[in-house]
ModelCIF file with pLDDT and N, C-alpha, C, O atoms, coordinates in Angstrom:
data_MODEL
#
_entry.id   MODEL 
#
_entity.id                         1 
_entity.type                       polymer 
_entity.pdbx_number_of_molecules   1 
#
_entity_poly.entity_id                      1 
_entity_poly.type                           'polypeptide(L)' 
_entity_poly.nstd_linkage                   no 
_entity_poly.nstd_monomer                   no 
_entity_poly.pdbx_seq_one_letter_code       LPDCLLLARNWQEFADRIIQKLGIVLENDRREALAAFLGKRPV 
_entity_poly.pdbx_seq_one_letter_code_can   LPDCLLLARNWQEFADRIIQKLGIVLENDRREALAAFLGKRPV 
_entity_poly.pdbx_strand_id                 A 
#
loop_
_entity_poly_seq.entity_id 
_entity_poly_seq.num 
_entity_poly_seq.mon_id 
_entity_poly_seq.hetero 
1 1  LEU n 
1 2  PRO n 
1 3  ASP n 
1 4  CYS n 
1 5  LEU n 
1 6  LEU n 
1 7  LEU n 
1 8  ALA n 
1 9  ARG n 
1 10 ASN n 
1 11 TRP n 
1 12 GLN n 
1 13 GLU n 
1 14 PHE n 
1 15 ALA n 
1 16 ASP n 
1 17 ARG n 
1 18 ILE n 
1 19 ILE n 
1 20 GLN n 
1 21 LYS n 
1 22 LEU n 
1 23 GLY n 
1 24 ILE n 
1 25 VAL n 
1 26 LEU n 
1 27 GLU n 
1 28 ASN n 
1 29 ASP n 
1 30 ARG n 
1 31 ARG n 
1 32 GLU n 
1 33 ALA n 
1 34 LEU n 
1 35 ALA n 
1 36 ALA n 
1 37 PHE n 
1 38 LEU n 
1 39 GLY n 
1 40 LYS n 
1 41 ARG n 
1 42 PRO n 
1 43 VAL n 
#
_struct_asym.id          A 
_struct_asym.entity_id   1 
#
loop_
_ma_qa_metric.id 
_ma_qa_metric.mode 
_ma_qa_metric.name 
_ma_qa_metric.software_group_id 
_ma_qa_metric.type 
1 global pLDDT . pLDDT 
2 local  pLDDT . pLDDT 
#
_ma_qa_metric_global.metric_id      1 
_ma_qa_metric_global.metric_value   90.74 
_ma_qa_metric_global.model_id       1 
_ma_qa_metric_global.ordinal_id     1 
#
loop_
_ma_qa_metric_local.label_asym_id 
_ma_qa_metric_local.label_comp_id 
_ma_qa_metric_local.label_seq_id 
_ma_qa_metric_local.metric_id 
_ma_qa_metric_local.metric_value 
_ma_qa_metric_local.model_id 
_ma_qa_metric_local.ordinal_id 
A LEU 1  2 89.00 1 1  
A PRO 2  2 88.00 1 2  
A ASP 3  2 91.00 1 3  
A CYS 4  2 92.00 1 4  
A LEU 5  2 91.00 1 5  
A LEU 6  2 89.00 1 6  
A LEU 7  2 90.00 1 7  
A ALA 8  2 93.00 1 8  
A ARG 9  2 92.00 1 9  
A ASN 10 2 94.00 1 10 
A TRP 11 2 95.00 1 11 
A GLN 12 2 96.00 1 12 
A GLU 13 2 96.00 1 13 
A PHE 14 2 94.00 1 14 
A ALA 15 2 94.00 1 15 
A ASP 16 2 95.00 1 16 
A ARG 17 2 95.00 1 17 
A ILE 18 2 92.00 1 18 
A ILE 19 2 91.00 1 19 
A GLN 20 2 93.00 1 20 
A LYS 21 2 91.00 1 21 
A LEU 22 2 88.00 1 22 
A GLY 23 2 87.00 1 23 
A ILE 24 2 85.00 1 24 
A VAL 25 2 86.00 1 25 
A LEU 26 2 88.00 1 26 
A GLU 27 2 91.00 1 27 
A ASN 28 2 93.00 1 28 
A ASP 29 2 93.00 1 29 
A ARG 30 2 92.00 1 30 
A ARG 31 2 93.00 1 31 
A GLU 32 2 95.00 1 32 
A ALA 33 2 94.00 1 33 
A LEU 34 2 92.00 1 34 
A ALA 35 2 94.00 1 35 
A ALA 36 2 93.00 1 36 
A PHE 37 2 92.00 1 37 
A LEU 38 2 91.00 1 38 
A GLY 39 2 89.00 1 39 
A LYS 40 2 86.00 1 40 
A ARG 41 2 80.00 1 41 
A PRO 42 2 76.00 1 42 
A VAL 43 2 83.00 1 43 
#
loop_
_atom_site.group_PDB 
_atom_site.id 
_atom_site.type_symbol 
_atom_site.label_atom_id 
_atom_site.label_alt_id 
_atom_site.label_comp_id 
_atom_site.label_asym_id 
_atom_site.label_entity_id 
_atom_site.label_seq_id 
_atom_site.pdbx_PDB_ins_code 
_atom_site.Cartn_x 
_atom_site.Cartn_y 
_atom_site.Cartn_z 
_atom_site.occupancy 
_atom_site.B_iso_or_equiv 
_atom_site.pdbx_formal_charge 
_atom_site.auth_seq_id 
_atom_site.auth_comp_id 
_atom_site.auth_asym_id 
_atom_site.auth_atom_id 
_atom_site.pdbx_PDB_model_num 
ATOM 1   N N  . LEU A 1 1  ? 76.954 125.017 86.480 1.00 89.00 ? 1  LEU A N  1 
ATOM 2   C CA . LEU A 1 1  ? 75.815 124.162 86.818 1.00 89.00 ? 1  LEU A CA 1 
ATOM 3   C C  . LEU A 1 1  ? 74.933 124.704 87.943 1.00 89.00 ? 1  LEU A C  1 
ATOM 4   O O  . LEU A 1 1  ? 73.710 124.687 87.797 1.00 89.00 ? 1  LEU A O  1 
ATOM 5   N N  . PRO A 1 2  ? 75.491 125.184 89.059 1.00 88.00 ? 2  PRO A N  1 
ATOM 6   C CA . PRO A 1 2  ? 74.608 125.684 90.127 1.00 88.00 ? 2  PRO A CA 1 
ATOM 7   C C  . PRO A 1 2  ? 73.709 126.829 89.678 1.00 88.00 ? 2  PRO A C  1 
ATOM 8   O O  . PRO A 1 2  ? 72.523 126.849 90.009 1.00 88.00 ? 2  PRO A O  1 
ATOM 9   N N  . ASP A 1 3  ? 74.264 127.791 88.921 1.00 91.00 ? 3  ASP A N  1 
ATOM 10  C CA . ASP A 1 3  ? 73.457 128.920 88.459 1.00 91.00 ? 3  ASP A CA 1 
ATOM 11  C C  . ASP A 1 3  ? 72.427 128.477 87.423 1.00 91.00 ? 3  ASP A C  1 
ATOM 12  O O  . ASP A 1 3  ? 71.291 128.952 87.428 1.00 91.00 ? 3  ASP A O  1 
ATOM 13  N N  . CYS A 1 4  ? 72.830 127.564 86.531 1.00 92.00 ? 4  CYS A N  1 
ATOM 14  C CA . CYS A 1 4  ? 71.888 127.057 85.531 1.00 92.00 ? 4  CYS A CA 1 
ATOM 15  C C  . CYS A 1 4  ? 70.698 126.390 86.209 1.00 92.00 ? 4  CYS A C  1 
ATOM 16  O O  . CYS A 1 4  ? 69.556 126.544 85.775 1.00 92.00 ? 4  CYS A O  1 
ATOM 17  N N  . LEU A 1 5  ? 70.973 125.657 87.265 1.00 91.00 ? 5  LEU A N  1 
ATOM 18  C CA . LEU A 1 5  ? 69.914 124.966 87.992 1.00 91.00 ? 5  LEU A CA 1 
ATOM 19  C C  . LEU A 1 5  ? 68.995 125.956 88.692 1.00 91.00 ? 5  LEU A C  1 
ATOM 20  O O  . LEU A 1 5  ? 67.773 125.810 88.648 1.00 91.00 ? 5  LEU A O  1 
ATOM 21  N N  . LEU A 1 6  ? 69.571 126.955 89.330 1.00 89.00 ? 6  LEU A N  1 
ATOM 22  C CA . LEU A 1 6  ? 68.788 127.922 90.099 1.00 89.00 ? 6  LEU A CA 1 
ATOM 23  C C  . LEU A 1 6  ? 67.822 128.700 89.217 1.00 89.00 ? 6  LEU A C  1 
ATOM 24  O O  . LEU A 1 6  ? 66.737 129.078 89.660 1.00 89.00 ? 6  LEU A O  1 
ATOM 25  N N  . LEU A 1 7  ? 68.213 128.936 87.975 1.00 90.00 ? 7  LEU A N  1 
ATOM 26  C CA . LEU A 1 7  ? 67.403 129.753 87.076 1.00 90.00 ? 7  LEU A CA 1 
ATOM 27  C C  . LEU A 1 7  ? 66.425 128.943 86.234 1.00 90.00 ? 7  LEU A C  1 
ATOM 28  O O  . LEU A 1 7  ? 65.560 129.513 85.569 1.00 90.00 ? 7  LEU A O  1 
ATOM 29  N N  . ALA A 1 8  ? 66.555 127.617 86.257 1.00 93.00 ? 8  ALA A N  1 
ATOM 30  C CA . ALA A 1 8  ? 65.708 126.771 85.416 1.00 93.00 ? 8  ALA A CA 1 
ATOM 31  C C  . ALA A 1 8  ? 64.371 126.476 86.072 1.00 93.00 ? 8  ALA A C  1 
ATOM 32  O O  . ALA A 1 8  ? 64.232 126.547 87.293 1.00 93.00 ? 8  ALA A O  1 
ATOM 33  N N  . ARG A 1 9  ? 63.384 126.143 85.240 1.00 92.00 ? 9  ARG A N  1 
ATOM 34  C CA . ARG A 1 9  ? 62.052 125.792 85.733 1.00 92.00 ? 9  ARG A CA 1 
ATOM 35  C C  . ARG A 1 9  ? 61.736 124.311 85.547 1.00 92.00 ? 9  ARG A C  1 
ATOM 36  O O  . ARG A 1 9  ? 60.744 123.817 86.084 1.00 92.00 ? 9  ARG A O  1 
ATOM 37  N N  . ASN A 1 10 ? 62.556 123.610 84.802 1.00 94.00 ? 10 ASN A N  1 
ATOM 38  C CA . ASN A 1 10 ? 62.377 122.181 84.587 1.00 94.00 ? 10 ASN A CA 1 
ATOM 39  C C  . ASN A 1 10 ? 63.676 121.600 84.057 1.00 94.00 ? 10 ASN A C  1 
ATOM 40  O O  . ASN A 1 10 ? 64.627 122.334 83.791 1.00 94.00 ? 10 ASN A O  1 
ATOM 41  N N  . TRP A 1 11 ? 63.719 120.273 83.902 1.00 95.00 ? 11 TRP A N  1 
ATOM 42  C CA . TRP A 1 11 ? 64.964 119.618 83.487 1.00 95.00 ? 11 TRP A CA 1 
ATOM 43  C C  . TRP A 1 11 ? 65.380 120.009 82.086 1.00 95.00 ? 11 TRP A C  1 
ATOM 44  O O  . TRP A 1 11 ? 66.573 120.139 81.809 1.00 95.00 ? 11 TRP A O  1 
ATOM 45  N N  . GLN A 1 12 ? 64.416 120.199 81.192 1.00 96.00 ? 12 GLN A N  1 
ATOM 46  C CA . GLN A 1 12 ? 64.779 120.589 79.834 1.00 96.00 ? 12 GLN A CA 1 
ATOM 47  C C  . GLN A 1 12 ? 65.409 121.971 79.804 1.00 96.00 ? 12 GLN A C  1 
ATOM 48  O O  . GLN A 1 12 ? 66.384 122.204 79.089 1.00 96.00 ? 12 GLN A O  1 
ATOM 49  N N  . GLU A 1 13 ? 64.849 122.884 80.582 1.00 96.00 ? 13 GLU A N  1 
ATOM 50  C CA . GLU A 1 13 ? 65.422 124.224 80.629 1.00 96.00 ? 13 GLU A CA 1 
ATOM 51  C C  . GLU A 1 13 ? 66.808 124.197 81.282 1.00 96.00 ? 13 GLU A C  1 
ATOM 52  O O  . GLU A 1 13 ? 67.698 124.950 80.887 1.00 96.00 ? 13 GLU A O  1 
ATOM 53  N N  . PHE A 1 14 ? 66.983 123.343 82.264 1.00 94.00 ? 14 PHE A N  1 
ATOM 54  C CA . PHE A 1 14 ? 68.291 123.164 82.890 1.00 94.00 ? 14 PHE A CA 1 
ATOM 55  C C  . PHE A 1 14 ? 69.309 122.690 81.848 1.00 94.00 ? 14 PHE A C  1 
ATOM 56  O O  . PHE A 1 14 ? 70.410 123.234 81.758 1.00 94.00 ? 14 PHE A O  1 
ATOM 57  N N  . ALA A 1 15 ? 68.936 121.672 81.061 1.00 94.00 ? 15 ALA A N  1 
ATOM 58  C CA . ALA A 1 15 ? 69.826 121.154 80.027 1.00 94.00 ? 15 ALA A CA 1 
ATOM 59  C C  . ALA A 1 15 ? 70.137 122.232 78.987 1.00 94.00 ? 15 ALA A C  1 
ATOM 60  O O  . ALA A 1 15 ? 71.286 122.378 78.569 1.00 94.00 ? 15 ALA A O  1 
ATOM 61  N N  . ASP A 1 16 ? 69.115 122.986 78.570 1.00 95.00 ? 16 ASP A N  1 
ATOM 62  C CA . ASP A 1 16 ? 69.324 124.025 77.562 1.00 95.00 ? 16 ASP A CA 1 
ATOM 63  C C  . ASP A 1 16 ? 70.249 125.119 78.058 1.00 95.00 ? 16 ASP A C  1 
ATOM 64  O O  . ASP A 1 16 ? 71.059 125.646 77.296 1.00 95.00 ? 16 ASP A O  1 
ATOM 65  N N  . ARG A 1 17 ? 70.132 125.463 79.336 1.00 95.00 ? 17 ARG A N  1 
ATOM 66  C CA . ARG A 1 17 ? 71.013 126.493 79.895 1.00 95.00 ? 17 ARG A CA 1 
ATOM 67  C C  . ARG A 1 17 ? 72.468 126.010 79.959 1.00 95.00 ? 17 ARG A C  1 
ATOM 68  O O  . ARG A 1 17 ? 73.397 126.782 79.722 1.00 95.00 ? 17 ARG A O  1 
ATOM 69  N N  . ILE A 1 18 ? 72.649 124.741 80.277 1.00 92.00 ? 18 ILE A N  1 
ATOM 70  C CA . ILE A 1 18 ? 74.002 124.181 80.294 1.00 92.00 ? 18 ILE A CA 1 
ATOM 71  C C  . ILE A 1 18 ? 74.623 124.257 78.903 1.00 92.00 ? 18 ILE A C  1 
ATOM 72  O O  . ILE A 1 18 ? 75.766 124.685 78.743 1.00 92.00 ? 18 ILE A O  1 
ATOM 73  N N  . ILE A 1 19 ? 73.856 123.835 77.901 1.00 91.00 ? 19 ILE A N  1 
ATOM 74  C CA . ILE A 1 19 ? 74.340 123.839 76.524 1.00 91.00 ? 19 ILE A CA 1 
ATOM 75  C C  . ILE A 1 19 ? 74.700 125.252 76.084 1.00 91.00 ? 19 ILE A C  1 
ATOM 76  O O  . ILE A 1 19 ? 75.727 125.478 75.444 1.00 91.00 ? 19 ILE A O  1 
ATOM 77  N N  . GLN A 1 20 ? 73.831 126.198 76.442 1.00 93.00 ? 20 GLN A N  1 
ATOM 78  C CA . GLN A 1 20 ? 74.079 127.590 76.069 1.00 93.00 ? 20 GLN A CA 1 
ATOM 79  C C  . GLN A 1 20 ? 75.343 128.123 76.726 1.00 93.00 ? 20 GLN A C  1 
ATOM 80  O O  . GLN A 1 20 ? 76.149 128.790 76.077 1.00 93.00 ? 20 GLN A O  1 
ATOM 81  N N  . LYS A 1 21 ? 75.522 127.831 78.016 1.00 91.00 ? 21 LYS A N  1 
ATOM 82  C CA . LYS A 1 21 ? 76.694 128.320 78.734 1.00 91.00 ? 21 LYS A CA 1 
ATOM 83  C C  . LYS A 1 21 ? 77.987 127.736 78.171 1.00 91.00 ? 21 LYS A C  1 
ATOM 84  O O  . LYS A 1 21 ? 79.016 128.411 78.138 1.00 91.00 ? 21 LYS A O  1 
ATOM 85  N N  . LEU A 1 22 ? 77.931 126.489 77.731 1.00 88.00 ? 22 LEU A N  1 
ATOM 86  C CA . LEU A 1 22 ? 79.130 125.843 77.192 1.00 88.00 ? 22 LEU A CA 1 
ATOM 87  C C  . LEU A 1 22 ? 79.392 126.251 75.745 1.00 88.00 ? 22 LEU A C  1 
ATOM 88  O O  . LEU A 1 22 ? 80.482 126.028 75.219 1.00 88.00 ? 22 LEU A O  1 
ATOM 89  N N  . GLY A 1 23 ? 78.391 126.845 75.106 1.00 87.00 ? 23 GLY A N  1 
ATOM 90  C CA . GLY A 1 23 ? 78.569 127.280 73.722 1.00 87.00 ? 23 GLY A CA 1 
ATOM 91  C C  . GLY A 1 23 ? 78.659 126.126 72.742 1.00 87.00 ? 23 GLY A C  1 
ATOM 92  O O  . GLY A 1 23 ? 79.373 126.209 71.743 1.00 87.00 ? 23 GLY A O  1 
ATOM 93  N N  . ILE A 1 24 ? 77.934 125.042 73.027 1.00 85.00 ? 24 ILE A N  1 
ATOM 94  C CA . ILE A 1 24 ? 77.950 123.890 72.138 1.00 85.00 ? 24 ILE A CA 1 
ATOM 95  C C  . ILE A 1 24 ? 76.603 123.761 71.439 1.00 85.00 ? 24 ILE A C  1 
ATOM 96  O O  . ILE A 1 24 ? 75.613 124.365 71.850 1.00 85.00 ? 24 ILE A O  1 
ATOM 97  N N  . VAL A 1 25 ? 76.586 122.964 70.379 1.00 86.00 ? 25 VAL A N  1 
ATOM 98  C CA . VAL A 1 25 ? 75.364 122.775 69.599 1.00 86.00 ? 25 VAL A CA 1 
ATOM 99  C C  . VAL A 1 25 ? 74.925 121.315 69.717 1.00 86.00 ? 25 VAL A C  1 
ATOM 100 O O  . VAL A 1 25 ? 75.712 120.396 69.492 1.00 86.00 ? 25 VAL A O  1 
ATOM 101 N N  . LEU A 1 26 ? 73.656 121.121 70.072 1.00 88.00 ? 26 LEU A N  1 
ATOM 102 C CA . LEU A 1 26 ? 73.097 119.778 70.178 1.00 88.00 ? 26 LEU A CA 1 
ATOM 103 C C  . LEU A 1 26 ? 71.766 119.726 69.447 1.00 88.00 ? 26 LEU A C  1 
ATOM 104 O O  . LEU A 1 26 ? 70.971 120.663 69.533 1.00 88.00 ? 26 LEU A O  1 
ATOM 105 N N  . GLU A 1 27 ? 71.519 118.645 68.733 1.00 91.00 ? 27 GLU A N  1 
ATOM 106 C CA . GLU A 1 27 ? 70.236 118.449 68.083 1.00 91.00 ? 27 GLU A CA 1 
ATOM 107 C C  . GLU A 1 27 ? 69.153 118.263 69.154 1.00 91.00 ? 27 GLU A C  1 
ATOM 108 O O  . GLU A 1 27 ? 69.453 117.944 70.304 1.00 91.00 ? 27 GLU A O  1 
ATOM 109 N N  . ASN A 1 28 ? 67.904 118.465 68.762 1.00 93.00 ? 28 ASN A N  1 
ATOM 110 C CA . ASN A 1 28 ? 66.804 118.395 69.721 1.00 93.00 ? 28 ASN A CA 1 
ATOM 111 C C  . ASN A 1 28 ? 66.731 117.062 70.449 1.00 93.00 ? 28 ASN A C  1 
ATOM 112 O O  . ASN A 1 28 ? 66.463 117.025 71.650 1.00 93.00 ? 28 ASN A O  1 
ATOM 113 N N  . ASP A 1 29 ? 66.965 115.969 69.733 1.00 93.00 ? 29 ASP A N  1 
ATOM 114 C CA . ASP A 1 29 ? 66.856 114.676 70.391 1.00 93.00 ? 29 ASP A CA 1 
ATOM 115 C C  . ASP A 1 29 ? 67.932 114.491 71.457 1.00 93.00 ? 29 ASP A C  1 
ATOM 116 O O  . ASP A 1 29 ? 67.703 113.837 72.475 1.00 93.00 ? 29 ASP A O  1 
ATOM 117 N N  . ARG A 1 30 ? 69.107 115.072 71.217 1.00 92.00 ? 30 ARG A N  1 
ATOM 118 C CA . ARG A 1 30 ? 70.175 114.978 72.207 1.00 92.00 ? 30 ARG A CA 1 
ATOM 119 C C  . ARG A 1 30 ? 69.943 115.937 73.373 1.00 92.00 ? 30 ARG A C  1 
ATOM 120 O O  . ARG A 1 30 ? 70.320 115.645 74.508 1.00 92.00 ? 30 ARG A O  1 
ATOM 121 N N  . ARG A 1 31 ? 69.327 117.069 73.091 1.00 93.00 ? 31 ARG A N  1 
ATOM 122 C CA . ARG A 1 31 ? 68.933 117.982 74.177 1.00 93.00 ? 31 ARG A CA 1 
ATOM 123 C C  . ARG A 1 31 ? 67.944 117.274 75.111 1.00 93.00 ? 31 ARG A C  1 
ATOM 124 O O  . ARG A 1 31 ? 68.053 117.361 76.334 1.00 93.00 ? 31 ARG A O  1 
ATOM 125 N N  . GLU A 1 32 ? 66.990 116.583 74.515 1.00 95.00 ? 32 GLU A N  1 
ATOM 126 C CA . GLU A 1 32 ? 66.006 115.858 75.300 1.00 95.00 ? 32 GLU A CA 1 
ATOM 127 C C  . GLU A 1 32 ? 66.652 114.709 76.068 1.00 95.00 ? 32 GLU A C  1 
ATOM 128 O O  . GLU A 1 32 ? 66.271 114.419 77.202 1.00 95.00 ? 32 GLU A O  1 
ATOM 129 N N  . ALA A 1 33 ? 67.626 114.062 75.446 1.00 94.00 ? 33 ALA A N  1 
ATOM 130 C CA . ALA A 1 33 ? 68.329 112.966 76.117 1.00 94.00 ? 33 ALA A CA 1 
ATOM 131 C C  . ALA A 1 33 ? 69.117 113.477 77.313 1.00 94.00 ? 33 ALA A C  1 
ATOM 132 O O  . ALA A 1 33 ? 69.169 112.819 78.352 1.00 94.00 ? 33 ALA A O  1 
ATOM 133 N N  . LEU A 1 34 ? 69.732 114.650 77.171 1.00 92.00 ? 34 LEU A N  1 
ATOM 134 C CA . LEU A 1 34 ? 70.478 115.232 78.285 1.00 92.00 ? 34 LEU A CA 1 
ATOM 135 C C  . LEU A 1 34 ? 69.533 115.602 79.416 1.00 92.00 ? 34 LEU A C  1 
ATOM 136 O O  . LEU A 1 34 ? 69.848 115.372 80.584 1.00 92.00 ? 34 LEU A O  1 
ATOM 137 N N  . ALA A 1 35 ? 68.380 116.171 79.086 1.00 94.00 ? 35 ALA A N  1 
ATOM 138 C CA . ALA A 1 35 ? 67.397 116.537 80.113 1.00 94.00 ? 35 ALA A CA 1 
ATOM 139 C C  . ALA A 1 35 ? 66.897 115.297 80.852 1.00 94.00 ? 35 ALA A C  1 
ATOM 140 O O  . ALA A 1 35 ? 66.758 115.320 82.075 1.00 94.00 ? 35 ALA A O  1 
ATOM 141 N N  . ALA A 1 36 ? 66.628 114.222 80.124 1.00 93.00 ? 36 ALA A N  1 
ATOM 142 C CA . ALA A 1 36 ? 66.173 112.983 80.748 1.00 93.00 ? 36 ALA A CA 1 
ATOM 143 C C  . ALA A 1 36 ? 67.254 112.408 81.656 1.00 93.00 ? 36 ALA A C  1 
ATOM 144 O O  . ALA A 1 36 ? 66.954 111.889 82.731 1.00 93.00 ? 36 ALA A O  1 
ATOM 145 N N  . PHE A 1 37 ? 68.495 112.497 81.231 1.00 92.00 ? 37 PHE A N  1 
ATOM 146 C CA . PHE A 1 37 ? 69.620 112.025 82.037 1.00 92.00 ? 37 PHE A CA 1 
ATOM 147 C C  . PHE A 1 37 ? 69.720 112.802 83.344 1.00 92.00 ? 37 PHE A C  1 
ATOM 148 O O  . PHE A 1 37 ? 69.910 112.219 84.412 1.00 92.00 ? 37 PHE A O  1 
ATOM 149 N N  . LEU A 1 38 ? 69.592 114.110 83.250 1.00 91.00 ? 38 LEU A N  1 
ATOM 150 C CA . LEU A 1 38 ? 69.679 114.957 84.445 1.00 91.00 ? 38 LEU A CA 1 
ATOM 151 C C  . LEU A 1 38 ? 68.546 114.649 85.415 1.00 91.00 ? 38 LEU A C  1 
ATOM 152 O O  . LEU A 1 38 ? 68.755 114.634 86.628 1.00 91.00 ? 38 LEU A O  1 
ATOM 153 N N  . GLY A 1 39 ? 67.354 114.403 84.893 1.00 89.00 ? 39 GLY A N  1 
ATOM 154 C CA . GLY A 1 39 ? 66.202 114.152 85.738 1.00 89.00 ? 39 GLY A CA 1 
ATOM 155 C C  . GLY A 1 39 ? 66.257 112.841 86.497 1.00 89.00 ? 39 GLY A C  1 
ATOM 156 O O  . GLY A 1 39 ? 65.585 112.677 87.516 1.00 89.00 ? 39 GLY A O  1 
ATOM 157 N N  . LYS A 1 40 ? 67.055 111.907 86.004 1.00 86.00 ? 40 LYS A N  1 
ATOM 158 C CA . LYS A 1 40 ? 67.151 110.599 86.656 1.00 86.00 ? 40 LYS A CA 1 
ATOM 159 C C  . LYS A 1 40 ? 68.236 110.550 87.726 1.00 86.00 ? 40 LYS A C  1 
ATOM 160 O O  . LYS A 1 40 ? 68.301 109.597 88.502 1.00 86.00 ? 40 LYS A O  1 
ATOM 161 N N  . ARG A 1 41 ? 69.087 111.573 87.769 1.00 80.00 ? 41 ARG A N  1 
ATOM 162 C CA . ARG A 1 41 ? 70.203 111.565 88.709 1.00 80.00 ? 41 ARG A CA 1 
ATOM 163 C C  . ARG A 1 41 ? 70.156 112.829 89.562 1.00 80.00 ? 41 ARG A C  1 
ATOM 164 O O  . ARG A 1 41 ? 70.383 113.922 89.044 1.00 80.00 ? 41 ARG A O  1 
ATOM 165 N N  . PRO A 1 42 ? 69.869 112.706 90.848 1.00 76.00 ? 42 PRO A N  1 
ATOM 166 C CA . PRO A 1 42 ? 69.763 113.889 91.707 1.00 76.00 ? 42 PRO A CA 1 
ATOM 167 C C  . PRO A 1 42 ? 71.007 114.770 91.620 1.00 76.00 ? 42 PRO A C  1 
ATOM 168 O O  . PRO A 1 42 ? 72.135 114.281 91.682 1.00 76.00 ? 42 PRO A O  1 
ATOM 169 N N  . VAL A 1 43 ? 70.785 116.065 91.478 1.00 83.00 ? 43 VAL A N  1 
ATOM 170 C CA . VAL A 1 43 ? 71.909 116.994 91.414 1.00 83.00 ? 43 VAL A CA 1 
ATOM 171 C C  . VAL A 1 43 ? 72.297 117.473 92.803 1.00 83.00 ? 43 VAL A C  1 
ATOM 172 O O  . VAL A 1 43 ? 73.229 118.265 92.946 1.00 83.00 ? 43 VAL A O  1 
#
């Protein structure tokens, strides 16, 4: 998470980097939901 955050330019990119690092597959709507979740809770 710390490295994903440091390299991201916005919440969506942060979420996408997390998903990529974990090697999981998420549909676009769930990717967007994860990004929205991250943006509402200070890291």
